[in-house]
PDB file of N, CA and C in Angstrom:
ATOM      1  N   MET A   1     -55.203 -80.144  62.567  1.00  0.00           N
ATOM      2  CA  MET A   1     -54.022 -80.239  61.735  1.00  0.00           C
ATOM      3  C   MET A   1     -54.109 -81.513  60.903  1.00  0.00           C
ATOM      4  N   SER A   2     -53.872 -81.416  59.613  1.00  0.00           N
ATOM      5  CA  SER A   2     -53.986 -82.580  58.736  1.00  0.00           C
ATOM      6  C   SER A   2     -52.649 -83.305  58.634  1.00  0.00           C
ATOM      7  N   SER A   3     -52.739 -84.588  58.323  1.00  0.00           N
ATOM      8  CA  SER A   3     -51.537 -85.406  58.136  1.00  0.00           C
ATOM      9  C   SER A   3     -50.904 -85.081  56.794  1.00  0.00           C
ATOM     10  N   PRO A   4     -49.580 -85.281  56.679  1.00  0.00           N
ATOM     11  CA  PRO A   4     -48.948 -85.074  55.376  1.00  0.00           C
ATOM     12  C   PRO A   4     -49.463 -86.096  54.371  1.00  0.00           C
ATOM     13  N   PRO A   5     -49.419 -85.762  53.080  1.00  0.00           N
ATOM     14  CA  PRO A   5     -49.923 -86.702  52.069  1.00  0.00           C
ATOM     15  C   PRO A   5     -49.140 -88.012  52.077  1.00  0.00           C
ATOM     16  N   TRP A   6     -49.844 -89.098  51.806  1.00  0.00           N
ATOM     17  CA  TRP A   6     -49.218 -90.423  51.784  1.00  0.00           C
ATOM     18  C   TRP A   6     -49.561 -91.104  50.489  1.00  0.00           C
ATOM     19  N   PRO A   7     -48.640 -91.620  49.744  1.00  0.00           N
ATOM     20  CA  PRO A   7     -47.205 -91.373  49.893  1.00  0.00           C
ATOM     21  C   PRO A   7     -46.855 -89.976  49.381  1.00  0.00           C
ATOM     22  N   PRO A   8     -45.773 -89.436  49.862  1.00  0.00           N
ATOM     23  CA  PRO A   8     -45.434 -88.064  49.468  1.00  0.00           C
ATOM     24  C   PRO A   8     -44.824 -87.973  48.072  1.00  0.00           C
ATOM     25  N   THR A   9     -44.968 -86.816  47.481  1.00  0.00           N
ATOM     26  CA  THR A   9     -44.183 -86.412  46.312  1.00  0.00           C
ATOM     27  C   THR A   9     -43.482 -85.138  46.748  1.00  0.00           C
ATOM     28  N   LEU A  10     -42.157 -85.187  46.797  1.00  0.00           N
ATOM     29  CA  LEU A  10     -41.358 -84.089  47.342  1.00  0.00           C
ATOM     30  C   LEU A  10     -40.439 -83.555  46.263  1.00  0.00           C
ATOM     31  N   HIS A  11     -40.451 -82.237  46.086  1.00  0.00           N
ATOM     32  CA  HIS A  11     -39.641 -81.592  45.055  1.00  0.00           C
ATOM     33  C   HIS A  11     -38.556 -80.749  45.701  1.00  0.00           C
ATOM     34  N   GLU A  12     -37.383 -80.830  45.151  1.00  0.00           N
ATOM     35  CA  GLU A  12     -36.274 -79.999  45.601  1.00  0.00           C
ATOM     36  C   GLU A  12     -36.388 -78.655  44.894  1.00  0.00           C
ATOM     37  N   SER A  13     -36.382 -77.591  45.667  1.00  0.00           N
ATOM     38  CA  SER A  13     -36.540 -76.285  45.040  1.00  0.00           C
ATOM     39  C   SER A  13     -35.296 -75.413  45.159  1.00  0.00           C
ATOM     40  N   ALA A  14     -34.490 -75.615  46.194  1.00  0.00           N
ATOM     41  CA  ALA A  14     -33.359 -74.723  46.431  1.00  0.00           C
ATOM     42  C   ALA A  14     -32.148 -75.030  45.555  1.00  0.00           C
ATOM     43  N   THR A  15     -32.055 -76.239  45.054  1.00  0.00           N
ATOM     44  CA  THR A  15     -30.879 -76.642  44.291  1.00  0.00           C
ATOM     45  C   THR A  15     -31.278 -76.972  42.862  1.00  0.00           C
ATOM     46  N   PRO A  16     -30.539 -76.477  41.863  1.00  0.00           N
ATOM     47  CA  PRO A  16     -30.857 -76.856  40.483  1.00  0.00           C
ATOM     48  C   PRO A  16     -30.689 -78.361  40.284  1.00  0.00           C
ATOM     49  N   GLY A  17     -31.418 -78.914  39.361  1.00  0.00           N
ATOM     50  CA  GLY A  17     -31.246 -80.327  39.064  1.00  0.00           C
ATOM     51  C   GLY A  17     -32.530 -81.093  38.937  1.00  0.00           C
ATOM     52  N   GLY A  18     -33.656 -80.513  39.333  1.00  0.00           N
ATOM     53  CA  GLY A  18     -34.924 -81.174  39.135  1.00  0.00           C
ATOM     54  C   GLY A  18     -35.108 -82.466  39.888  1.00  0.00           C
ATOM     55  N   LEU A  19     -34.660 -82.548  41.145  1.00  0.00           N
ATOM     56  CA  LEU A  19     -34.797 -83.767  41.926  1.00  0.00           C
ATOM     57  C   LEU A  19     -36.183 -83.846  42.554  1.00  0.00           C
ATOM     58  N   THR A  20     -36.815 -85.013  42.400  1.00  0.00           N
ATOM     59  CA  THR A  20     -38.108 -85.301  43.002  1.00  0.00           C
ATOM     60  C   THR A  20     -38.040 -86.681  43.633  1.00  0.00           C
ATOM     61  N   VAL A  21     -38.635 -86.812  44.801  1.00  0.00           N
ATOM     62  CA  VAL A  21     -38.833 -88.117  45.432  1.00  0.00           C
ATOM     63  C   VAL A  21     -40.334 -88.350  45.357  1.00  0.00           C
ATOM     64  N   ARG A  22     -40.728 -89.457  44.738  1.00  0.00           N
ATOM     65  CA  ARG A  22     -42.142 -89.670  44.407  1.00  0.00           C
ATOM     66  C   ARG A  22     -42.496 -91.149  44.501  1.00  0.00           C
ATOM     67  N   PRO A  23     -43.787 -91.455  44.503  1.00  0.00           N
ATOM     68  CA  PRO A  23     -44.183 -92.862  44.447  1.00  0.00           C
ATOM     69  C   PRO A  23     -43.689 -93.507  43.147  1.00  0.00           C
ATOM     70  N   HIS A  24     -43.468 -94.806  43.206  1.00  0.00           N
ATOM     71  CA  HIS A  24     -43.098 -95.551  42.003  1.00  0.00           C
ATOM     72  C   HIS A  24     -44.287 -95.603  41.049  1.00  0.00           C
ATOM     73  N   HIS A  25     -43.995 -95.704  39.765  1.00  0.00           N
ATOM     74  CA  HIS A  25     -45.014 -95.852  38.727  1.00  0.00           C
ATOM     75  C   HIS A  25     -44.652 -97.053  37.863  1.00  0.00           C
ATOM     76  N   ARG A  26     -45.641 -97.657  37.284  1.00  0.00           N
ATOM     77  CA  ARG A  26     -45.388 -98.789  36.374  1.00  0.00           C
ATOM     78  C   ARG A  26     -44.511 -98.367  35.193  1.00  0.00           C
ATOM     79  N   ARG A  27     -44.561 -97.098  34.813  1.00  0.00           N
ATOM     80  CA  ARG A  27     -43.742 -96.625  33.688  1.00  0.00           C
ATOM     81  C   ARG A  27     -42.245 -96.628  34.015  1.00  0.00           C
ATOM     82  N   ASP A  28     -41.877 -96.878  35.288  1.00  0.00           N
ATOM     83  CA  ASP A  28     -40.472 -96.980  35.685  1.00  0.00           C
ATOM     84  C   ASP A  28     -39.867 -98.344  35.326  1.00  0.00           C
ATOM     85  N   ALA A  29     -40.649 -99.253  34.769  1.00  0.00           N
ATOM     86  CA  ALA A  29     -40.211-100.641  34.574  1.00  0.00           C
ATOM     87  C   ALA A  29     -38.923-100.768  33.758  1.00  0.00           C
ATOM     88  N   ASP A  30     -38.781-100.042  32.663  1.00  0.00           N
ATOM     89  CA  ASP A  30     -37.561-100.161  31.847  1.00  0.00           C
ATOM     90  C   ASP A  30     -36.328 -99.751  32.642  1.00  0.00           C
ATOM     91  N   ALA A  31     -36.447 -98.663  33.397  1.00  0.00           N
ATOM     92  CA  ALA A  31     -35.311 -98.184  34.184  1.00  0.00           C
ATOM     93  C   ALA A  31     -35.007 -99.133  35.346  1.00  0.00           C
ATOM     94  N   VAL A  32     -36.033 -99.702  35.974  1.00  0.00           N
ATOM     95  CA  VAL A  32     -35.822-100.672  37.052  1.00  0.00           C
ATOM     96  C   VAL A  32     -35.150-101.923  36.489  1.00  0.00           C
ATOM     97  N   LEU A  33     -35.566-102.355  35.315  1.00  0.00           N
ATOM     98  CA  LEU A  33     -34.943-103.505  34.666  1.00  0.00           C
ATOM     99  C   LEU A  33     -33.463-103.253  34.421  1.00  0.00           C
ATOM    100  N   ALA A  34     -33.121-102.089  33.893  1.00  0.00           N
ATOM    101  CA  ALA A  34     -31.711-101.757  33.644  1.00  0.00           C
ATOM    102  C   ALA A  34     -30.926-101.724  34.955  1.00  0.00           C
ATOM    103  N   LEU A  35     -31.510-101.130  35.991  1.00  0.00           N
ATOM    104  CA  LEU A  35     -30.839-101.071  37.292  1.00  0.00           C
ATOM    105  C   LEU A  35     -30.628-102.471  37.852  1.00  0.00           C
ATOM    106  N   GLY A  36     -31.622-103.329  37.709  1.00  0.00           N
ATOM    107  CA  GLY A  36     -31.526-104.701  38.217  1.00  0.00           C
ATOM    108  C   GLY A  36     -30.490-105.540  37.516  1.00  0.00           C
ATOM    109  N   ASN A  37     -30.082-105.146  36.326  1.00  0.00           N
ATOM    110  CA  ASN A  37     -29.056-105.887  35.584  1.00  0.00           C
ATOM    111  C   ASN A  37     -27.701-105.198  35.592  1.00  0.00           C
ATOM    112  N   ASP A  38     -27.586-104.086  36.298  1.00  0.00           N
ATOM    113  CA  ASP A  38     -26.316-103.383  36.422  1.00  0.00           C
ATOM    114  C   ASP A  38     -25.368-104.191  37.313  1.00  0.00           C
ATOM    115  N   PRO A  39     -24.124-104.419  36.884  1.00  0.00           N
ATOM    116  CA  PRO A  39     -23.189-105.232  37.671  1.00  0.00           C
ATOM    117  C   PRO A  39     -22.960-104.722  39.098  1.00  0.00           C
ATOM    118  N   GLN A  40     -22.872-103.414  39.302  1.00  0.00           N
ATOM    119  CA  GLN A  40     -22.656-102.901  40.661  1.00  0.00           C
ATOM    120  C   GLN A  40     -23.893-103.082  41.536  1.00  0.00           C
ATOM    121  N   THR A  41     -25.066-102.930  40.967  1.00  0.00           N
ATOM    122  CA  THR A  41     -26.286-103.194  41.731  1.00  0.00           C
ATOM    123  C   THR A  41     -26.319-104.654  42.132  1.00  0.00           C
ATOM    124  N   ARG A  42     -26.002-105.517  41.210  1.00  0.00           N
ATOM    125  CA  ARG A  42     -26.017-106.955  41.471  1.00  0.00           C
ATOM    126  C   ARG A  42     -24.989-107.334  42.536  1.00  0.00           C
ATOM    127  N   ARG A  43     -23.879-106.606  42.557  1.00  0.00           N
ATOM    128  CA  ARG A  43     -22.820-106.891  43.525  1.00  0.00           C
ATOM    129  C   ARG A  43     -23.312-106.684  44.960  1.00  0.00           C
ATOM    130  N   TRP A  44     -24.162-105.685  45.180  1.00  0.00           N
ATOM    131  CA  TRP A  44     -24.552-105.297  46.530  1.00  0.00           C
ATOM    132  C   TRP A  44     -25.966-105.702  46.911  1.00  0.00           C
ATOM    133  N   THR A  45     -26.656-106.407  46.033  1.00  0.00           N
ATOM    134  CA  THR A  45     -28.025-106.835  46.333  1.00  0.00           C
ATOM    135  C   THR A  45     -28.181-108.310  46.014  1.00  0.00           C
ATOM    136  N   THR A  46     -29.315-108.848  46.385  1.00  0.00           N
ATOM    137  CA  THR A  46     -29.630-110.243  46.065  1.00  0.00           C
ATOM    138  C   THR A  46     -30.845-110.250  45.145  1.00  0.00           C
ATOM    139  N   LEU A  47     -30.580-110.156  43.858  1.00  0.00           N
ATOM    140  CA  LEU A  47     -31.626-110.138  42.848  1.00  0.00           C
ATOM    141  C   LEU A  47     -31.600-111.432  42.054  1.00  0.00           C
ATOM    142  N   PRO A  48     -32.730-111.798  41.463  1.00  0.00           N
ATOM    143  CA  PRO A  48     -32.726-112.974  40.588  1.00  0.00           C
ATOM    144  C   PRO A  48     -31.736-112.779  39.438  1.00  0.00           C
ATOM    145  N   ASP A  49     -31.184-113.878  38.977  1.00  0.00           N
ATOM    146  CA  ASP A  49     -30.230-113.837  37.869  1.00  0.00           C
ATOM    147  C   ASP A  49     -30.685-114.823  36.807  1.00  0.00           C
ATOM    148  N   PRO A  50     -31.104-114.335  35.659  1.00  0.00           N
ATOM    149  CA  PRO A  50     -31.110-112.947  35.227  1.00  0.00           C
ATOM    150  C   PRO A  50     -32.292-112.201  35.836  1.00  0.00           C
ATOM    151  N   TYR A  51     -32.174-110.883  35.896  1.00  0.00           N
ATOM    152  CA  TYR A  51     -33.252-110.014  36.359  1.00  0.00           C
ATOM    153  C   TYR A  51     -34.083-109.673  35.131  1.00  0.00           C
ATOM    154  N   THR A  52     -35.332-110.117  35.135  1.00  0.00           N
ATOM    155  CA  THR A  52     -36.180-110.015  33.945  1.00  0.00           C
ATOM    156  C   THR A  52     -37.167-108.845  34.044  1.00  0.00           C
ATOM    157  N   ARG A  53     -37.814-108.560  32.945  1.00  0.00           N
ATOM    158  CA  ARG A  53     -38.856-107.528  32.935  1.00  0.00           C
ATOM    159  C   ARG A  53     -39.955-107.903  33.922  1.00  0.00           C
ATOM    160  N   GLU A  54     -40.288-109.171  33.990  1.00  0.00           N
ATOM    161  CA  GLU A  54     -41.295-109.633  34.947  1.00  0.00           C
ATOM    162  C   GLU A  54     -40.855-109.312  36.385  1.00  0.00           C
ATOM    163  N   ASP A  55     -39.567-109.503  36.690  1.00  0.00           N
ATOM    164  CA  ASP A  55     -39.050-109.158  38.019  1.00  0.00           C
ATOM    165  C   ASP A  55     -39.208-107.659  38.288  1.00  0.00           C
ATOM    166  N   ALA A  56     -38.866-106.835  37.306  1.00  0.00           N
ATOM    167  CA  ALA A  56     -38.980-105.380  37.464  1.00  0.00           C
ATOM    168  C   ALA A  56     -40.437-104.973  37.669  1.00  0.00           C
ATOM    169  N   GLU A  57     -41.333-105.558  36.904  1.00  0.00           N
ATOM    170  CA  GLU A  57     -42.748-105.229  37.040  1.00  0.00           C
ATOM    171  C   GLU A  57     -43.295-105.674  38.388  1.00  0.00           C
ATOM    172  N   GLU A  58     -42.850-106.832  38.886  1.00  0.00           N
ATOM    173  CA  GLU A  58     -43.284-107.304  40.200  1.00  0.00           C
ATOM    174  C   GLU A  58     -42.724-106.413  41.310  1.00  0.00           C
ATOM    175  N   PHE A  59     -41.470-105.979  41.175  1.00  0.00           N
ATOM    176  CA  PHE A  59     -40.870-105.040  42.129  1.00  0.00           C
ATOM    177  C   PHE A  59     -41.749-103.791  42.234  1.00  0.00           C
ATOM    178  N   LEU A  60     -42.117-103.223  41.094  1.00  0.00           N
ATOM    179  CA  LEU A  60     -42.938-102.013  41.094  1.00  0.00           C
ATOM    180  C   LEU A  60     -44.336-102.276  41.636  1.00  0.00           C
ATOM    181  N   ALA A  61     -44.936-103.377  41.250  1.00  0.00           N
ATOM    182  CA  ALA A  61     -46.276-103.708  41.735  1.00  0.00           C
ATOM    183  C   ALA A  61     -46.274-103.843  43.256  1.00  0.00           C
ATOM    184  N   ARG A  62     -45.231-104.489  43.799  1.00  0.00           N
ATOM    185  CA  ARG A  62     -45.108-104.626  45.251  1.00  0.00           C
ATOM    186  C   ARG A  62     -44.964-103.264  45.919  1.00  0.00           C
ATOM    187  N   ARG A  63     -44.121-102.420  45.350  1.00  0.00           N
ATOM    188  CA  ARG A  63     -43.912-101.080  45.927  1.00  0.00           C
ATOM    189  C   ARG A  63     -45.215-100.277  45.909  1.00  0.00           C
ATOM    190  N   ILE A  64     -45.950-100.370  44.840  1.00  0.00           N
ATOM    191  CA  ILE A  64     -47.213 -99.637  44.716  1.00  0.00           C
ATOM    192  C   ILE A  64     -48.254-100.211  45.685  1.00  0.00           C
ATOM    193  N   ARG A  65     -48.327-101.523  45.765  1.00  0.00           N
ATOM    194  CA  ARG A  65     -49.320-102.213  46.590  1.00  0.00           C
ATOM    195  C   ARG A  65     -49.054-102.037  48.089  1.00  0.00           C
ATOM    196  N   GLU A  66     -47.791-101.989  48.486  1.00  0.00           N
ATOM    197  CA  GLU A  66     -47.446-101.995  49.902  1.00  0.00           C
ATOM    198  C   GLU A  66     -47.347-100.606  50.536  1.00  0.00           C
ATOM    199  N   VAL A  67     -47.647 -99.565  49.784  1.00  0.00           N
ATOM    200  CA  VAL A  67     -47.556 -98.212  50.332  1.00  0.00           C
ATOM    201  C   VAL A  67     -48.776 -97.941  51.202  1.00  0.00           C
ATOM    202  N   HIS A  68     -48.538 -97.810  52.500  1.00  0.00           N
ATOM    203  CA  HIS A  68     -49.602 -97.445  53.425  1.00  0.00           C
ATOM    204  C   HIS A  68     -48.973 -96.822  54.669  1.00  0.00           C
ATOM    205  N   PRO A  69     -49.674 -95.883  55.293  1.00  0.00           N
ATOM    206  CA  PRO A  69     -49.130 -95.236  56.482  1.00  0.00           C
ATOM    207  C   PRO A  69     -48.759 -96.251  57.559  1.00  0.00           C
ATOM    208  N   GLY A  70     -47.638 -96.007  58.215  1.00  0.00           N
ATOM    209  CA  GLY A  70     -47.191 -96.876  59.290  1.00  0.00           C
ATOM    210  C   GLY A  70     -46.328 -98.033  58.836  1.00  0.00           C
ATOM    211  N   GLY A  71     -46.202 -98.239  57.543  1.00  0.00           N
ATOM    212  CA  GLY A  71     -45.389 -99.332  57.031  1.00  0.00           C
ATOM    213  C   GLY A  71     -44.092 -98.811  56.442  1.00  0.00           C
ATOM    214  N   ASN A  72     -43.372 -99.710  55.803  1.00  0.00           N
ATOM    215  CA  ASN A  72     -42.171 -99.299  55.096  1.00  0.00           C
ATOM    216  C   ASN A  72     -42.552 -98.350  53.976  1.00  0.00           C
ATOM    217  N   LEU A  73     -41.640 -97.469  53.628  1.00  0.00           N
ATOM    218  CA  LEU A  73     -41.903 -96.500  52.579  1.00  0.00           C
ATOM    219  C   LEU A  73     -40.846 -96.638  51.504  1.00  0.00           C
ATOM    220  N   SER A  74     -41.260 -96.888  50.291  1.00  0.00           N
ATOM    221  CA  SER A  74     -40.358 -97.034  49.156  1.00  0.00           C
ATOM    222  C   SER A  74     -40.768 -96.022  48.101  1.00  0.00           C
ATOM    223  N   LEU A  75     -39.823 -95.166  47.703  1.00  0.00           N
ATOM    224  CA  LEU A  75     -40.112 -94.112  46.739  1.00  0.00           C
ATOM    225  C   LEU A  75     -39.062 -94.095  45.639  1.00  0.00           C
ATOM    226  N   ALA A  76     -39.464 -93.578  44.506  1.00  0.00           N
ATOM    227  CA  ALA A  76     -38.543 -93.416  43.381  1.00  0.00           C
ATOM    228  C   ALA A  76     -37.787 -92.103  43.534  1.00  0.00           C
ATOM    229  N   ILE A  77     -36.521 -92.125  43.151  1.00  0.00           N
ATOM    230  CA  ILE A  77     -35.735 -90.908  43.020  1.00  0.00           C
ATOM    231  C   ILE A  77     -35.783 -90.553  41.543  1.00  0.00           C
ATOM    232  N   ASP A  78     -36.261 -89.358  41.259  1.00  0.00           N
ATOM    233  CA  ASP A  78     -36.486 -88.917  39.886  1.00  0.00           C
ATOM    234  C   ASP A  78     -35.636 -87.672  39.642  1.00  0.00           C
ATOM    235  N   LEU A  79     -34.892 -87.668  38.564  1.00  0.00           N
ATOM    236  CA  LEU A  79     -34.083 -86.506  38.217  1.00  0.00           C
ATOM    237  C   LEU A  79     -34.495 -86.030  36.834  1.00  0.00           C
ATOM    238  N   ASP A  80     -34.966 -84.818  36.773  1.00  0.00           N
ATOM    239  CA  ASP A  80     -35.403 -84.214  35.508  1.00  0.00           C
ATOM    240  C   ASP A  80     -36.385 -85.095  34.751  1.00  0.00           C
ATOM    241  N   GLY A  81     -37.290 -85.764  35.485  1.00  0.00           N
ATOM    242  CA  GLY A  81     -38.312 -86.577  34.857  1.00  0.00           C
ATOM    243  C   GLY A  81     -37.904 -87.998  34.529  1.00  0.00           C
ATOM    244  N   SER A  82     -36.686 -88.391  34.914  1.00  0.00           N
ATOM    245  CA  SER A  82     -36.213 -89.755  34.655  1.00  0.00           C
ATOM    246  C   SER A  82     -35.983 -90.496  35.961  1.00  0.00           C
ATOM    247  N   TYR A  83     -36.443 -91.749  36.000  1.00  0.00           N
ATOM    248  CA  TYR A  83     -36.208 -92.594  37.164  1.00  0.00           C
ATOM    249  C   TYR A  83     -34.703 -92.773  37.342  1.00  0.00           C
ATOM    250  N   ALA A  84     -34.204 -92.392  38.527  1.00  0.00           N
ATOM    251  CA  ALA A  84     -32.776 -92.498  38.816  1.00  0.00           C
ATOM    252  C   ALA A  84     -32.485 -93.557  39.859  1.00  0.00           C
ATOM    253  N   GLY A  85     -33.507 -94.045  40.560  1.00  0.00           N
ATOM    254  CA  GLY A  85     -33.285 -95.055  41.584  1.00  0.00           C
ATOM    255  C   GLY A  85     -34.437 -95.136  42.551  1.00  0.00           C
ATOM    256  N   THR A  86     -34.173 -95.842  43.639  1.00  0.00           N
ATOM    257  CA  THR A  86     -35.171 -96.104  44.667  1.00  0.00           C
ATOM    258  C   THR A  86     -34.568 -95.788  46.025  1.00  0.00           C
ATOM    259  N   ILE A  87     -35.383 -95.246  46.908  1.00  0.00           N
ATOM    260  CA  ILE A  87     -34.972 -95.036  48.288  1.00  0.00           C
ATOM    261  C   ILE A  87     -36.077 -95.562  49.186  1.00  0.00           C
ATOM    262  N   ASP A  88     -35.697 -96.356  50.177  1.00  0.00           N
ATOM    263  CA  ASP A  88     -36.653 -96.960  51.105  1.00  0.00           C
ATOM    264  C   ASP A  88     -36.331 -96.530  52.524  1.00  0.00           C
ATOM    265  N   LEU A  89     -37.378 -96.306  53.294  1.00  0.00           N
ATOM    266  CA  LEU A  89     -37.279 -96.211  54.745  1.00  0.00           C
ATOM    267  C   LEU A  89     -37.975 -97.456  55.272  1.00  0.00           C
ATOM    268  N   ARG A  90     -37.215 -98.299  55.939  1.00  0.00           N
ATOM    269  CA  ARG A  90     -37.760 -99.548  56.461  1.00  0.00           C
ATOM    270  C   ARG A  90     -37.884 -99.436  57.972  1.00  0.00           C
ATOM    271  N   CYS A  91     -39.079 -99.721  58.471  1.00  0.00           N
ATOM    272  CA  CYS A  91     -39.370 -99.567  59.891  1.00  0.00           C
ATOM    273  C   CYS A  91     -38.512-100.492  60.739  1.00  0.00           C
ATOM    274  N   GLY A  92     -38.057 -99.940  61.851  1.00  0.00           N
ATOM    275  CA  GLY A  92     -37.314-100.710  62.841  1.00  0.00           C
ATOM    276  C   GLY A  92     -38.019-100.576  64.172  1.00  0.00           C
ATOM    277  N   PRO A  93     -37.246-100.619  65.260  1.00  0.00           N
ATOM    278  CA  PRO A  93     -37.854-100.384  66.572  1.00  0.00           C
ATOM    279  C   PRO A  93     -38.510 -99.003  66.607  1.00  0.00           C
ATOM    280  N   PRO A  94     -39.425 -98.755  67.529  1.00  0.00           N
ATOM    281  CA  PRO A  94     -40.088 -97.443  67.584  1.00  0.00           C
ATOM    282  C   PRO A  94     -39.077 -96.294  67.513  1.00  0.00           C
ATOM    283  N   GLY A  95     -39.347 -95.364  66.599  1.00  0.00           N
ATOM    284  CA  GLY A  95     -38.485 -94.205  66.438  1.00  0.00           C
ATOM    285  C   GLY A  95     -37.263 -94.448  65.585  1.00  0.00           C
ATOM    286  N   ALA A  96     -37.131 -95.624  64.986  1.00  0.00           N
ATOM    287  CA  ALA A  96     -35.950 -95.940  64.183  1.00  0.00           C
ATOM    288  C   ALA A  96     -36.368 -96.509  62.831  1.00  0.00           C
ATOM    289  N   ALA A  97     -35.526 -96.288  61.847  1.00  0.00           N
ATOM    290  CA  ALA A  97     -35.746 -96.848  60.509  1.00  0.00           C
ATOM    291  C   ALA A  97     -34.392 -97.046  59.853  1.00  0.00           C
ATOM    292  N   ALA A  98     -34.344 -97.953  58.903  1.00  0.00           N
ATOM    293  CA  ALA A  98     -33.142 -98.164  58.099  1.00  0.00           C
ATOM    294  C   ALA A  98     -33.387 -97.587  56.719  1.00  0.00           C
ATOM    295  N   VAL A  99     -32.333 -97.082  56.106  1.00  0.00           N
ATOM    296  CA  VAL A  99     -32.420 -96.538  54.758  1.00  0.00           C
ATOM    297  C   VAL A  99     -31.785 -97.537  53.807  1.00  0.00           C
ATOM    298  N   TRP A 100     -32.474 -97.823  52.724  1.00  0.00           N
ATOM    299  CA  TRP A 100     -31.977 -98.678  51.653  1.00  0.00           C
ATOM    300  C   TRP A 100     -32.119 -97.876  50.371  1.00  0.00           C
ATOM    301  N   TYR A 101     -31.125 -97.974  49.499  1.00  0.00           N
ATOM    302  CA  TYR A 101     -31.220 -97.229  48.241  1.00  0.00           C
ATOM    303  C   TYR A 101     -30.460 -97.954  47.147  1.00  0.00           C
ATOM    304  N   ALA A 102     -30.826 -97.628  45.921  1.00  0.00           N
ATOM    305  CA  ALA A 102     -30.114 -98.103  44.737  1.00  0.00           C
ATOM    306  C   ALA A 102     -30.253 -97.022  43.677  1.00  0.00           C
ATOM    307  N   LEU A 103     -29.149 -96.715  43.028  1.00  0.00           N
ATOM    308  CA  LEU A 103     -29.153 -95.690  41.987  1.00  0.00           C
ATOM    309  C   LEU A 103     -28.681 -96.264  40.669  1.00  0.00           C
ATOM    310  N   ALA A 104     -29.242 -95.755  39.589  1.00  0.00           N
ATOM    311  CA  ALA A 104     -28.796 -96.115  38.246  1.00  0.00           C
ATOM    312  C   ALA A 104     -27.340 -95.677  38.070  1.00  0.00           C
ATOM    313  N   PRO A 105     -26.578 -96.380  37.257  1.00  0.00           N
ATOM    314  CA  PRO A 105     -25.163 -96.015  37.073  1.00  0.00           C
ATOM    315  C   PRO A 105     -24.956 -94.550  36.691  1.00  0.00           C
ATOM    316  N   TRP A 106     -25.804 -94.008  35.830  1.00  0.00           N
ATOM    317  CA  TRP A 106     -25.632 -92.622  35.389  1.00  0.00           C
ATOM    318  C   TRP A 106     -25.907 -91.617  36.500  1.00  0.00           C
ATOM    319  N   ALA A 107     -26.607 -92.057  37.570  1.00  0.00           N
ATOM    320  CA  ALA A 107     -26.991 -91.156  38.651  1.00  0.00           C
ATOM    321  C   ALA A 107     -26.029 -91.184  39.836  1.00  0.00           C
ATOM    322  N   ARG A 108     -25.090 -92.103  39.821  1.00  0.00           N
ATOM    323  CA  ARG A 108     -24.171 -92.250  40.963  1.00  0.00           C
ATOM    324  C   ARG A 108     -23.090 -91.170  40.967  1.00  0.00           C
ATOM    325  N   GLY A 109     -22.634 -90.861  42.180  1.00  0.00           N
ATOM    326  CA  GLY A 109     -21.510 -89.950  42.320  1.00  0.00           C
ATOM    327  C   GLY A 109     -21.866 -88.478  42.246  1.00  0.00           C
ATOM    328  N   HIS A 110     -23.156 -88.148  42.324  1.00  0.00           N
ATOM    329  CA  HIS A 110     -23.589 -86.755  42.216  1.00  0.00           C
ATOM    330  C   HIS A 110     -24.348 -86.282  43.455  1.00  0.00           C
ATOM    331  N   GLY A 111     -24.325 -87.085  44.522  1.00  0.00           N
ATOM    332  CA  GLY A 111     -24.987 -86.688  45.761  1.00  0.00           C
ATOM    333  C   GLY A 111     -26.499 -86.843  45.758  1.00  0.00           C
ATOM    334  N   LEU A 112     -27.045 -87.622  44.837  1.00  0.00           N
ATOM    335  CA  LEU A 112     -28.508 -87.735  44.743  1.00  0.00           C
ATOM    336  C   LEU A 112     -29.132 -88.411  45.959  1.00  0.00           C
ATOM    337  N   THR A 113     -28.462 -89.401  46.518  1.00  0.00           N
ATOM    338  CA  THR A 113     -29.023 -90.069  47.690  1.00  0.00           C
ATOM    339  C   THR A 113     -29.105 -89.097  48.858  1.00  0.00           C
ATOM    340  N   GLU A 114     -28.052 -88.339  49.076  1.00  0.00           N
ATOM    341  CA  GLU A 114     -28.080 -87.340  50.149  1.00  0.00           C
ATOM    342  C   GLU A 114     -29.183 -86.316  49.903  1.00  0.00           C
ATOM    343  N   ARG A 115     -29.298 -85.840  48.676  1.00  0.00           N
ATOM    344  CA  ARG A 115     -30.334 -84.862  48.345  1.00  0.00           C
ATOM    345  C   ARG A 115     -31.728 -85.453  48.563  1.00  0.00           C
ATOM    346  N   ALA A 116     -31.910 -86.713  48.175  1.00  0.00           N
ATOM    347  CA  ALA A 116     -33.209 -87.368  48.372  1.00  0.00           C
ATOM    348  C   ALA A 116     -33.521 -87.497  49.864  1.00  0.00           C
ATOM    349  N   LEU A 117     -32.534 -87.860  50.655  1.00  0.00           N
ATOM    350  CA  LEU A 117     -32.748 -87.966  52.096  1.00  0.00           C
ATOM    351  C   LEU A 117     -33.062 -86.612  52.722  1.00  0.00           C
ATOM    352  N   ARG A 118     -32.423 -85.567  52.232  1.00  0.00           N
ATOM    353  CA  ARG A 118     -32.717 -84.223  52.766  1.00  0.00           C
ATOM    354  C   ARG A 118     -34.154 -83.797  52.461  1.00  0.00           C
ATOM    355  N   LEU A 119     -34.717 -84.320  51.405  1.00  0.00           N
ATOM    356  CA  LEU A 119     -36.137 -84.064  51.109  1.00  0.00           C
ATOM    357  C   LEU A 119     -37.038 -84.937  51.979  1.00  0.00           C
ATOM    358  N   LEU A 120     -36.679 -86.206  52.081  1.00  0.00           N
ATOM    359  CA  LEU A 120     -37.561 -87.187  52.694  1.00  0.00           C
ATOM    360  C   LEU A 120     -37.586 -87.121  54.216  1.00  0.00           C
ATOM    361  N   LEU A 121     -36.453 -86.985  54.852  1.00  0.00           N
ATOM    362  CA  LEU A 121     -36.410 -87.103  56.317  1.00  0.00           C
ATOM    363  C   LEU A 121     -37.214 -86.014  57.046  1.00  0.00           C
ATOM    364  N   PRO A 122     -37.172 -84.757  56.637  1.00  0.00           N
ATOM    365  CA  PRO A 122     -38.012 -83.779  57.339  1.00  0.00           C
ATOM    366  C   PRO A 122     -39.510 -84.041  57.166  1.00  0.00           C
ATOM    367  N   TRP A 123     -39.879 -84.630  56.041  1.00  0.00           N
ATOM    368  CA  TRP A 123     -41.274 -84.953  55.796  1.00  0.00           C
ATOM    369  C   TRP A 123     -41.765 -85.905  56.867  1.00  0.00           C
TER     370      TRP A 123
END
């Protein structure tokens, strides 16, 4: 039996909306920059002020570099081909993990985090 692909790219098929959970890409930088400067994101996170393009590019580079089996998992939430946010599974004690997420303002309030978790957790 083979292991599931790492990192995964997971597509939602049962619900309309084009939701995908996928590895981060450098092309997400503009959207990550906008998210990092959103007042509500800033309210609930500890980001540099101001959040610069360099910060966004380093965030993505770290996410891309740190993806390996057995470690924390950070993936992009993509809706209809547009970066909508990030979802992380952070390792805890054996058998446990914490979920961290951030969504772009336009993506909030539509159940995307729940939908992303429904894709990711069974994987």
